[in-house]
Amino acid sequence: MTGNDDFDALERSTDDPFAPGRESGNGGGGGGGGGRTIDWTAFSHAFTPRALRHRAIDISVSTDNRRYEHGEPVEITVEFRNRLPLPIRIRTESPKRWVWAVDGYREASQVPRTVPDRPAAFSFARRERKRFRRRWSQRIRVSDDEWKPVDAGTYAIEVRLNCADAAARGLVDRTAIEIEG
């Protein structure tokens, strides 16, 4: 359940049928001719204010049910959507562009993960949607080789972009589920 980059997206869609595809090779620049092309994502990043870039991205997390029997896997769907008609790029703190957590335990684990400190970026084409799925087995990892089942109760599932002060910038979404005993 790793590999949270945009190439791991379950579904990529845009509302614009003329949105550039991956095959353009120029970062969304359009045109396939041999002349000069513009990297529209880089251009947009340079001229779009940071606050607007952050407000452009809508994040949602949902589950297939609100109540679960004890031990029943929880299917989590995460969607990121660029609301603007221009490409958006948001800098992240590491190559892991987004993270999910259960009651504050990142990827349902108490074991700290080592992720490189080098910054990266999460890029979106015009009006692009990226959808990912994860499955939580109702267990919390307590050591490298041990997972502990959770008790009955209410649990918060949170998704956020992996950037500084994501909550203050509105780059977080949460949902709650109930596990019945």
N, C-alpha and C. Protein backbone atom coordinates (compact mmCIF):
# COMPACT_ATOMS: atom_id res chain seq x y z
N MET A 1 0.82 -1.19 0.00
CA MET A 1 0.00 0.00 0.00
C MET A 1 0.86 1.25 0.00
N THR A 2 1.89 1.20 -0.79
CA THR A 2 2.73 2.38 -0.93
C THR A 2 2.69 2.80 -2.38
N GLY A 3 3.54 3.72 -2.77
CA GLY A 3 3.55 4.19 -4.14
C GLY A 3 2.47 5.22 -4.37
N ASN A 4 2.50 6.29 -3.60
CA ASN A 4 1.43 7.27 -3.66
C ASN A 4 1.65 8.35 -4.71
N ASP A 5 2.51 8.10 -5.69
CA ASP A 5 2.69 9.14 -6.68
C ASP A 5 1.56 9.11 -7.70
N ASP A 6 1.50 10.12 -8.54
CA ASP A 6 0.37 10.23 -9.45
C ASP A 6 0.38 9.17 -10.54
N PHE A 7 1.48 8.46 -10.73
CA PHE A 7 1.49 7.39 -11.72
C PHE A 7 0.75 6.16 -11.20
N ASP A 8 0.49 6.13 -9.89
CA ASP A 8 -0.20 5.03 -9.25
C ASP A 8 -1.72 5.28 -9.21
N ALA A 9 -2.16 6.30 -9.88
CA ALA A 9 -3.58 6.68 -9.83
C ALA A 9 -4.42 5.56 -10.42
N LEU A 10 -5.49 5.26 -9.72
CA LEU A 10 -6.44 4.26 -10.20
C LEU A 10 -7.16 4.80 -11.43
N GLU A 11 -7.46 6.09 -11.38
CA GLU A 11 -8.23 6.69 -12.46
C GLU A 11 -7.78 8.13 -12.64
N ARG A 12 -7.55 8.52 -13.85
CA ARG A 12 -7.22 9.90 -14.16
C ARG A 12 -8.26 10.37 -15.15
N SER A 13 -8.86 11.50 -14.89
CA SER A 13 -9.83 12.01 -15.84
C SER A 13 -9.78 13.53 -15.84
N THR A 14 -10.24 14.10 -16.91
CA THR A 14 -10.35 15.54 -17.00
C THR A 14 -11.69 15.86 -17.60
N ASP A 15 -12.19 17.03 -17.29
CA ASP A 15 -13.45 17.48 -17.88
C ASP A 15 -13.22 18.10 -19.25
N ASP A 16 -11.96 18.30 -19.61
CA ASP A 16 -11.61 18.95 -20.86
C ASP A 16 -11.11 17.91 -21.86
N PRO A 17 -11.87 17.65 -22.94
CA PRO A 17 -11.44 16.63 -23.89
C PRO A 17 -10.16 17.00 -24.62
N PHE A 18 -9.73 18.26 -24.55
CA PHE A 18 -8.52 18.69 -25.23
C PHE A 18 -7.34 18.81 -24.28
N ALA A 19 -7.50 18.29 -23.06
CA ALA A 19 -6.41 18.34 -22.09
C ALA A 19 -5.25 17.51 -22.62
N PRO A 20 -4.03 17.99 -22.42
CA PRO A 20 -2.87 17.24 -22.93
C PRO A 20 -2.72 15.91 -22.21
N GLY A 21 -2.26 14.92 -22.93
CA GLY A 21 -2.02 13.60 -22.35
C GLY A 21 -0.57 13.44 -21.96
N ARG A 22 -0.24 12.33 -21.36
CA ARG A 22 1.12 12.05 -20.95
C ARG A 22 2.06 11.96 -22.15
N GLU A 23 1.54 11.51 -23.27
CA GLU A 23 2.40 11.27 -24.41
C GLU A 23 2.98 12.54 -25.02
N SER A 24 2.50 13.70 -24.61
CA SER A 24 3.03 14.93 -25.19
C SER A 24 4.48 15.12 -24.81
N GLY A 25 4.91 14.59 -23.64
CA GLY A 25 6.31 14.62 -23.25
C GLY A 25 6.85 15.98 -22.90
N ASN A 26 6.04 16.99 -22.87
CA ASN A 26 6.57 18.31 -22.58
C ASN A 26 5.90 18.91 -21.36
N GLY A 27 5.40 18.07 -20.48
CA GLY A 27 4.81 18.57 -19.24
C GLY A 27 3.48 19.26 -19.43
N GLY A 28 2.77 18.88 -20.47
CA GLY A 28 1.46 19.48 -20.68
C GLY A 28 1.53 20.67 -21.61
N GLY A 29 2.55 20.73 -22.45
CA GLY A 29 2.73 21.88 -23.30
C GLY A 29 1.87 21.89 -24.54
N GLY A 30 1.27 20.78 -24.88
CA GLY A 30 0.45 20.73 -26.08
C GLY A 30 1.31 20.60 -27.31
N GLY A 31 0.72 20.69 -28.48
CA GLY A 31 1.43 20.66 -29.75
C GLY A 31 2.42 19.54 -29.89
N GLY A 32 2.42 18.84 -30.98
CA GLY A 32 3.34 17.75 -31.17
C GLY A 32 4.38 18.06 -32.23
N GLY A 33 4.36 19.27 -32.79
CA GLY A 33 5.29 19.63 -33.84
C GLY A 33 6.70 19.75 -33.32
N GLY A 34 7.62 19.98 -34.23
CA GLY A 34 9.02 20.06 -33.87
C GLY A 34 9.44 21.43 -33.38
N GLY A 35 8.53 22.41 -33.34
CA GLY A 35 8.90 23.75 -32.92
C GLY A 35 8.99 23.89 -31.41
N ARG A 36 9.11 25.12 -30.98
CA ARG A 36 9.18 25.40 -29.56
C ARG A 36 7.84 25.12 -28.90
N THR A 37 7.90 24.62 -27.69
CA THR A 37 6.69 24.39 -26.93
C THR A 37 6.85 25.03 -25.56
N ILE A 38 5.73 25.26 -24.93
CA ILE A 38 5.73 25.86 -23.59
C ILE A 38 5.35 24.79 -22.59
N ASP A 39 6.09 24.69 -21.51
CA ASP A 39 5.73 23.80 -20.41
C ASP A 39 4.70 24.56 -19.59
N TRP A 40 3.42 24.32 -19.87
CA TRP A 40 2.35 25.08 -19.25
C TRP A 40 2.27 24.86 -17.75
N THR A 41 2.64 23.67 -17.29
CA THR A 41 2.62 23.42 -15.85
C THR A 41 3.65 24.29 -15.15
N ALA A 42 4.84 24.37 -15.70
CA ALA A 42 5.89 25.23 -15.10
C ALA A 42 5.49 26.70 -15.21
N PHE A 43 4.92 27.08 -16.34
CA PHE A 43 4.49 28.46 -16.53
C PHE A 43 3.42 28.82 -15.50
N SER A 44 2.43 27.95 -15.37
CA SER A 44 1.36 28.17 -14.40
C SER A 44 1.91 28.25 -12.98
N HIS A 45 2.85 27.37 -12.66
CA HIS A 45 3.43 27.36 -11.31
C HIS A 45 4.16 28.68 -11.02
N ALA A 46 4.83 29.19 -12.03
CA ALA A 46 5.59 30.43 -11.84
C ALA A 46 4.69 31.65 -11.67
N PHE A 47 3.52 31.65 -12.29
CA PHE A 47 2.70 32.84 -12.29
C PHE A 47 1.40 32.74 -11.50
N THR A 48 1.09 31.57 -10.97
CA THR A 48 -0.13 31.42 -10.16
C THR A 48 0.26 31.58 -8.69
N PRO A 49 -0.37 32.49 -7.99
CA PRO A 49 -0.03 32.67 -6.57
C PRO A 49 -0.20 31.38 -5.77
N ARG A 50 0.69 31.19 -4.82
CA ARG A 50 0.70 29.97 -4.00
C ARG A 50 -0.67 29.71 -3.34
N ALA A 51 -1.28 30.74 -2.79
CA ALA A 51 -2.58 30.57 -2.12
C ALA A 51 -3.64 30.07 -3.11
N LEU A 52 -3.61 30.57 -4.33
CA LEU A 52 -4.57 30.13 -5.34
C LEU A 52 -4.31 28.69 -5.75
N ARG A 53 -3.04 28.30 -5.87
CA ARG A 53 -2.71 26.91 -6.21
C ARG A 53 -3.29 25.97 -5.16
N HIS A 54 -3.14 26.33 -3.89
CA HIS A 54 -3.65 25.47 -2.82
C HIS A 54 -5.17 25.41 -2.81
N ARG A 55 -5.84 26.53 -3.05
CA ARG A 55 -7.31 26.53 -3.09
C ARG A 55 -7.85 25.80 -4.32
N ALA A 56 -7.02 25.66 -5.35
CA ALA A 56 -7.46 25.00 -6.58
C ALA A 56 -7.66 23.51 -6.40
N ILE A 57 -6.96 22.92 -5.44
CA ILE A 57 -7.01 21.47 -5.28
C ILE A 57 -8.06 21.09 -4.25
N ASP A 58 -8.99 20.27 -4.68
CA ASP A 58 -10.05 19.75 -3.82
C ASP A 58 -9.67 18.31 -3.46
N ILE A 59 -9.73 18.00 -2.17
CA ILE A 59 -9.37 16.66 -1.69
C ILE A 59 -10.59 16.05 -1.04
N SER A 60 -10.85 14.79 -1.37
CA SER A 60 -11.95 14.09 -0.69
C SER A 60 -11.53 12.66 -0.39
N VAL A 61 -11.98 12.19 0.77
CA VAL A 61 -11.75 10.81 1.17
C VAL A 61 -13.11 10.22 1.53
N SER A 62 -13.35 9.00 1.09
CA SER A 62 -14.61 8.32 1.40
C SER A 62 -14.34 6.83 1.59
N THR A 63 -15.31 6.19 2.20
CA THR A 63 -15.23 4.74 2.39
C THR A 63 -16.47 4.11 1.78
N ASP A 64 -16.42 2.81 1.55
CA ASP A 64 -17.55 2.14 0.92
C ASP A 64 -18.74 2.01 1.87
N ASN A 65 -18.53 2.10 3.19
CA ASN A 65 -19.60 2.06 4.19
C ASN A 65 -19.25 3.01 5.33
N ARG A 66 -20.20 3.26 6.19
CA ARG A 66 -19.95 4.05 7.40
C ARG A 66 -19.76 3.16 8.62
N ARG A 67 -20.38 1.96 8.57
CA ARG A 67 -20.28 1.00 9.68
C ARG A 67 -19.69 -0.30 9.15
N TYR A 68 -18.84 -0.89 9.97
CA TYR A 68 -18.18 -2.13 9.59
C TYR A 68 -18.25 -3.13 10.72
N GLU A 69 -18.34 -4.38 10.35
CA GLU A 69 -18.21 -5.46 11.33
C GLU A 69 -16.74 -5.54 11.73
N HIS A 70 -16.48 -6.01 12.93
CA HIS A 70 -15.11 -6.15 13.39
C HIS A 70 -14.34 -7.08 12.45
N GLY A 71 -13.20 -6.64 11.95
CA GLY A 71 -12.36 -7.44 11.06
C GLY A 71 -12.66 -7.26 9.57
N GLU A 72 -13.74 -6.59 9.23
CA GLU A 72 -14.10 -6.38 7.82
C GLU A 72 -13.20 -5.30 7.22
N PRO A 73 -12.57 -5.55 6.07
CA PRO A 73 -11.69 -4.55 5.46
C PRO A 73 -12.45 -3.27 5.09
N VAL A 74 -11.77 -2.15 5.25
CA VAL A 74 -12.33 -0.84 4.94
C VAL A 74 -11.72 -0.38 3.62
N GLU A 75 -12.57 -0.19 2.63
CA GLU A 75 -12.12 0.30 1.32
C GLU A 75 -12.13 1.83 1.36
N ILE A 76 -10.99 2.43 1.10
CA ILE A 76 -10.83 3.89 1.16
C ILE A 76 -10.61 4.40 -0.25
N THR A 77 -11.37 5.41 -0.64
CA THR A 77 -11.19 6.06 -1.95
C THR A 77 -10.77 7.50 -1.70
N VAL A 78 -9.70 7.90 -2.36
CA VAL A 78 -9.15 9.25 -2.23
C VAL A 78 -9.20 9.90 -3.60
N GLU A 79 -9.70 11.14 -3.64
CA GLU A 79 -9.76 11.85 -4.91
C GLU A 79 -9.17 13.25 -4.75
N PHE A 80 -8.32 13.60 -5.69
CA PHE A 80 -7.76 14.94 -5.79
C PHE A 80 -8.28 15.53 -7.09
N ARG A 81 -8.73 16.77 -7.04
CA ARG A 81 -9.30 17.40 -8.24
C ARG A 81 -8.77 18.82 -8.36
N ASN A 82 -8.28 19.14 -9.54
CA ASN A 82 -7.87 20.50 -9.86
C ASN A 82 -9.11 21.23 -10.38
N ARG A 83 -9.57 22.22 -9.65
CA ARG A 83 -10.78 22.95 -10.02
C ARG A 83 -10.54 24.00 -11.11
N LEU A 84 -9.29 24.29 -11.40
CA LEU A 84 -8.99 25.38 -12.34
C LEU A 84 -8.78 24.89 -13.77
N PRO A 85 -9.00 25.77 -14.73
CA PRO A 85 -8.78 25.41 -16.14
C PRO A 85 -7.32 25.62 -16.56
N LEU A 86 -6.40 25.54 -15.61
CA LEU A 86 -4.98 25.64 -15.92
C LEU A 86 -4.22 24.63 -15.07
N PRO A 87 -3.08 24.19 -15.54
CA PRO A 87 -2.32 23.19 -14.78
C PRO A 87 -1.86 23.76 -13.44
N ILE A 88 -1.77 22.88 -12.45
CA ILE A 88 -1.35 23.28 -11.11
C ILE A 88 -0.28 22.30 -10.63
N ARG A 89 0.72 22.84 -9.96
CA ARG A 89 1.76 22.02 -9.35
C ARG A 89 1.93 22.50 -7.91
N ILE A 90 1.91 21.55 -6.98
CA ILE A 90 2.08 21.89 -5.56
C ILE A 90 3.32 21.17 -5.05
N ARG A 91 4.20 21.90 -4.42
CA ARG A 91 5.41 21.31 -3.86
C ARG A 91 5.05 20.46 -2.64
N THR A 92 5.71 19.31 -2.54
CA THR A 92 5.52 18.41 -1.40
C THR A 92 6.85 18.26 -0.67
N GLU A 93 6.77 17.80 0.57
CA GLU A 93 7.97 17.68 1.40
C GLU A 93 8.83 16.48 1.04
N SER A 94 8.26 15.52 0.31
CA SER A 94 9.01 14.33 -0.07
C SER A 94 8.40 13.76 -1.35
N PRO A 95 9.03 12.75 -1.91
CA PRO A 95 8.44 12.11 -3.09
C PRO A 95 7.08 11.47 -2.82
N LYS A 96 6.77 11.22 -1.56
CA LYS A 96 5.44 10.71 -1.19
C LYS A 96 4.51 11.92 -1.20
N ARG A 97 3.73 12.05 -2.25
CA ARG A 97 2.97 13.28 -2.50
C ARG A 97 1.77 13.47 -1.59
N TRP A 98 1.18 12.38 -1.11
CA TRP A 98 0.04 12.48 -0.19
C TRP A 98 0.13 11.33 0.80
N VAL A 99 -0.52 11.52 1.93
CA VAL A 99 -0.51 10.49 2.98
C VAL A 99 -1.91 10.29 3.53
N TRP A 100 -2.16 9.11 4.07
CA TRP A 100 -3.43 8.82 4.73
C TRP A 100 -3.10 8.34 6.13
N ALA A 101 -4.06 8.50 7.04
CA ALA A 101 -3.86 8.11 8.43
C ALA A 101 -5.18 7.65 9.04
N VAL A 102 -5.06 6.79 10.04
CA VAL A 102 -6.21 6.36 10.83
C VAL A 102 -5.95 6.81 12.26
N ASP A 103 -6.81 7.68 12.77
CA ASP A 103 -6.65 8.24 14.11
C ASP A 103 -5.24 8.77 14.34
N GLY A 104 -4.69 9.40 13.34
CA GLY A 104 -3.37 10.00 13.46
C GLY A 104 -2.21 9.07 13.15
N TYR A 105 -2.45 7.78 12.99
CA TYR A 105 -1.40 6.83 12.65
C TYR A 105 -1.23 6.78 11.14
N ARG A 106 -0.14 7.34 10.68
CA ARG A 106 0.10 7.41 9.24
C ARG A 106 0.16 6.01 8.65
N GLU A 107 -0.66 5.78 7.64
CA GLU A 107 -0.83 4.49 6.99
C GLU A 107 -1.12 3.40 8.01
N ALA A 108 -1.86 3.78 9.06
CA ALA A 108 -2.29 2.87 10.13
C ALA A 108 -1.10 2.18 10.78
N SER A 109 -0.04 2.95 11.04
CA SER A 109 1.17 2.37 11.60
C SER A 109 1.75 3.26 12.69
N GLN A 110 2.21 2.64 13.77
CA GLN A 110 2.94 3.34 14.81
C GLN A 110 4.43 3.34 14.52
N VAL A 111 4.86 2.57 13.52
CA VAL A 111 6.26 2.45 13.15
C VAL A 111 6.60 3.60 12.20
N PRO A 112 7.57 4.44 12.57
CA PRO A 112 7.92 5.55 11.69
C PRO A 112 8.52 5.04 10.37
N ARG A 113 8.12 5.68 9.29
CA ARG A 113 8.64 5.33 7.97
C ARG A 113 9.71 6.32 7.59
N THR A 114 10.71 5.83 6.92
CA THR A 114 11.74 6.73 6.44
C THR A 114 11.44 7.06 4.98
N VAL A 115 11.18 8.31 4.74
CA VAL A 115 10.93 8.80 3.39
C VAL A 115 11.97 9.88 3.14
N PRO A 116 12.57 9.90 1.96
CA PRO A 116 13.60 10.91 1.70
C PRO A 116 13.08 12.33 1.97
N ASP A 117 13.97 13.19 2.45
CA ASP A 117 13.60 14.57 2.75
C ASP A 117 13.54 15.46 1.52
N ARG A 118 13.95 14.96 0.39
CA ARG A 118 14.00 15.84 -0.79
C ARG A 118 12.58 16.22 -1.24
N PRO A 119 12.39 17.47 -1.56
CA PRO A 119 11.06 17.92 -2.01
C PRO A 119 10.72 17.35 -3.38
N ALA A 120 9.43 17.32 -3.65
CA ALA A 120 8.93 16.87 -4.95
C ALA A 120 7.75 17.77 -5.28
N ALA A 121 6.97 17.38 -6.27
CA ALA A 121 5.78 18.16 -6.63
C ALA A 121 4.67 17.21 -7.06
N PHE A 122 3.45 17.63 -6.81
CA PHE A 122 2.26 16.91 -7.21
C PHE A 122 1.63 17.77 -8.31
N SER A 123 1.61 17.28 -9.53
CA SER A 123 1.15 18.06 -10.67
C SER A 123 -0.19 17.59 -11.18
N PHE A 124 -0.99 18.55 -11.61
CA PHE A 124 -2.33 18.29 -12.14
C PHE A 124 -2.49 19.03 -13.46
N ALA A 125 -3.04 18.35 -14.45
CA ALA A 125 -3.40 19.00 -15.70
C ALA A 125 -4.66 19.84 -15.44
N ARG A 126 -5.11 20.56 -16.45
CA ARG A 126 -6.32 21.36 -16.32
C ARG A 126 -7.49 20.49 -15.90
N ARG A 127 -8.16 20.88 -14.82
CA ARG A 127 -9.37 20.20 -14.31
C ARG A 127 -9.19 18.69 -14.11
N GLU A 128 -7.98 18.25 -13.90
CA GLU A 128 -7.70 16.82 -13.75
C GLU A 128 -8.18 16.28 -12.40
N ARG A 129 -8.64 15.03 -12.44
CA ARG A 129 -9.00 14.28 -11.22
C ARG A 129 -8.05 13.08 -11.14
N LYS A 130 -7.59 12.81 -9.92
CA LYS A 130 -6.78 11.63 -9.68
C LYS A 130 -7.44 10.87 -8.55
N ARG A 131 -7.67 9.60 -8.76
CA ARG A 131 -8.37 8.79 -7.78
C ARG A 131 -7.48 7.61 -7.39
N PHE A 132 -7.38 7.38 -6.08
CA PHE A 132 -6.58 6.29 -5.54
C PHE A 132 -7.44 5.46 -4.60
N ARG A 133 -7.06 4.21 -4.43
CA ARG A 133 -7.77 3.35 -3.48
C ARG A 133 -6.75 2.71 -2.55
N ARG A 134 -7.15 2.60 -1.30
CA ARG A 134 -6.37 1.91 -0.29
C ARG A 134 -7.32 1.01 0.49
N ARG A 135 -6.78 0.01 1.14
CA ARG A 135 -7.58 -0.90 1.97
C ARG A 135 -6.95 -0.93 3.35
N TRP A 136 -7.79 -0.70 4.37
CA TRP A 136 -7.35 -0.79 5.75
C TRP A 136 -7.95 -2.04 6.35
N SER A 137 -7.12 -2.86 6.93
CA SER A 137 -7.56 -4.15 7.47
C SER A 137 -8.00 -4.08 8.93
N GLN A 138 -8.26 -2.89 9.44
CA GLN A 138 -8.66 -2.67 10.83
C GLN A 138 -7.56 -3.13 11.79
N ARG A 139 -6.35 -2.91 11.39
CA ARG A 139 -5.20 -3.24 12.23
C ARG A 139 -4.25 -2.05 12.24
N ILE A 140 -3.54 -1.91 13.38
CA ILE A 140 -2.52 -0.87 13.52
C ILE A 140 -1.17 -1.58 13.64
N ARG A 141 -0.23 -1.15 12.86
CA ARG A 141 1.10 -1.74 12.90
C ARG A 141 1.82 -1.24 14.14
N VAL A 142 2.29 -2.16 14.98
CA VAL A 142 2.96 -1.77 16.22
C VAL A 142 4.46 -2.07 16.19
N SER A 143 4.90 -2.89 15.26
CA SER A 143 6.33 -3.14 15.04
C SER A 143 6.50 -3.57 13.59
N ASP A 144 7.73 -3.78 13.18
CA ASP A 144 7.98 -4.13 11.78
C ASP A 144 7.23 -5.39 11.33
N ASP A 145 6.99 -6.30 12.26
CA ASP A 145 6.34 -7.54 11.87
C ASP A 145 5.11 -7.88 12.71
N GLU A 146 4.51 -6.87 13.35
CA GLU A 146 3.34 -7.13 14.18
C GLU A 146 2.26 -6.07 13.95
N TRP A 147 1.04 -6.55 13.72
CA TRP A 147 -0.14 -5.71 13.54
C TRP A 147 -1.15 -6.07 14.62
N LYS A 148 -1.73 -5.06 15.25
CA LYS A 148 -2.68 -5.28 16.34
C LYS A 148 -4.09 -4.89 15.86
N PRO A 149 -5.08 -5.78 16.04
CA PRO A 149 -6.45 -5.43 15.64
C PRO A 149 -6.98 -4.28 16.51
N VAL A 150 -7.80 -3.43 15.91
CA VAL A 150 -8.38 -2.32 16.66
C VAL A 150 -9.64 -2.79 17.38
N ASP A 151 -10.03 -2.03 18.40
CA ASP A 151 -11.25 -2.32 19.14
C ASP A 151 -12.44 -1.70 18.43
N ALA A 152 -13.62 -2.09 18.87
CA ALA A 152 -14.84 -1.47 18.35
C ALA A 152 -14.82 0.02 18.72
N GLY A 153 -15.39 0.85 17.88
CA GLY A 153 -15.43 2.27 18.16
C GLY A 153 -15.45 3.09 16.88
N THR A 154 -15.27 4.39 17.03
CA THR A 154 -15.27 5.31 15.89
C THR A 154 -13.83 5.69 15.57
N TYR A 155 -13.51 5.69 14.28
CA TYR A 155 -12.16 5.99 13.82
C TYR A 155 -12.22 7.05 12.73
N ALA A 156 -11.24 7.96 12.77
CA ALA A 156 -11.14 9.02 11.76
C ALA A 156 -10.10 8.62 10.72
N ILE A 157 -10.50 8.70 9.47
CA ILE A 157 -9.58 8.46 8.36
C ILE A 157 -9.30 9.80 7.72
N GLU A 158 -8.02 10.14 7.62
CA GLU A 158 -7.62 11.46 7.12
C GLU A 158 -6.69 11.29 5.93
N VAL A 159 -6.83 12.18 4.97
CA VAL A 159 -5.94 12.25 3.82
C VAL A 159 -5.48 13.69 3.69
N ARG A 160 -4.19 13.87 3.38
CA ARG A 160 -3.66 15.22 3.20
C ARG A 160 -2.52 15.19 2.21
N LEU A 161 -2.32 16.33 1.56
CA LEU A 161 -1.13 16.47 0.74
C LEU A 161 0.06 16.52 1.68
N ASN A 162 1.17 16.01 1.26
CA ASN A 162 2.36 15.95 2.09
C ASN A 162 3.16 17.25 1.96
N CYS A 163 2.57 18.31 2.51
CA CYS A 163 3.24 19.61 2.49
C CYS A 163 3.05 20.30 3.84
N ALA A 164 3.92 21.26 4.09
CA ALA A 164 3.87 21.97 5.36
C ALA A 164 2.51 22.64 5.54
N ASP A 165 2.03 22.65 6.75
CA ASP A 165 0.74 23.22 7.15
C ASP A 165 -0.40 22.94 6.15
N ALA A 166 -0.53 21.67 5.79
CA ALA A 166 -1.58 21.26 4.86
C ALA A 166 -2.96 21.59 5.41
N ALA A 167 -3.17 21.40 6.70
CA ALA A 167 -4.49 21.67 7.30
C ALA A 167 -4.83 23.15 7.19
N ALA A 168 -3.88 24.01 7.48
CA ALA A 168 -4.13 25.46 7.40
C ALA A 168 -4.41 25.90 5.97
N ARG A 169 -3.91 25.17 5.01
CA ARG A 169 -4.10 25.53 3.60
C ARG A 169 -5.30 24.82 2.97
N GLY A 170 -6.04 24.04 3.77
CA GLY A 170 -7.23 23.36 3.24
C GLY A 170 -6.91 22.16 2.38
N LEU A 171 -5.74 21.56 2.58
CA LEU A 171 -5.32 20.42 1.77
C LEU A 171 -5.47 19.10 2.52
N VAL A 172 -6.57 19.00 3.28
CA VAL A 172 -6.85 17.83 4.12
C VAL A 172 -8.34 17.51 4.01
N ASP A 173 -8.67 16.23 4.10
CA ASP A 173 -10.06 15.82 4.23
C ASP A 173 -10.11 14.64 5.19
N ARG A 174 -11.25 14.53 5.88
CA ARG A 174 -11.44 13.47 6.88
C ARG A 174 -12.82 12.86 6.73
N THR A 175 -12.92 11.61 7.14
CA THR A 175 -14.21 10.96 7.27
C THR A 175 -14.13 10.05 8.48
N ALA A 176 -15.26 9.72 9.04
CA ALA A 176 -15.30 8.86 10.22
C ALA A 176 -16.05 7.59 9.91
N ILE A 177 -15.59 6.50 10.49
CA ILE A 177 -16.27 5.21 10.35
C ILE A 177 -16.49 4.64 11.74
N GLU A 178 -17.42 3.70 11.82
CA GLU A 178 -17.68 3.03 13.08
C GLU A 178 -17.47 1.54 12.91
N ILE A 179 -16.72 0.96 13.84
CA ILE A 179 -16.49 -0.47 13.85
C ILE A 179 -17.31 -1.06 14.98
N GLU A 180 -18.16 -2.00 14.62
CA GLU A 180 -19.04 -2.61 15.62
C GLU A 180 -18.38 -3.84 16.20
N GLY A 181 -18.59 -4.05 17.48
CA GLY A 181 -17.96 -5.16 18.19
C GLY A 181 -18.78 -6.33 18.16
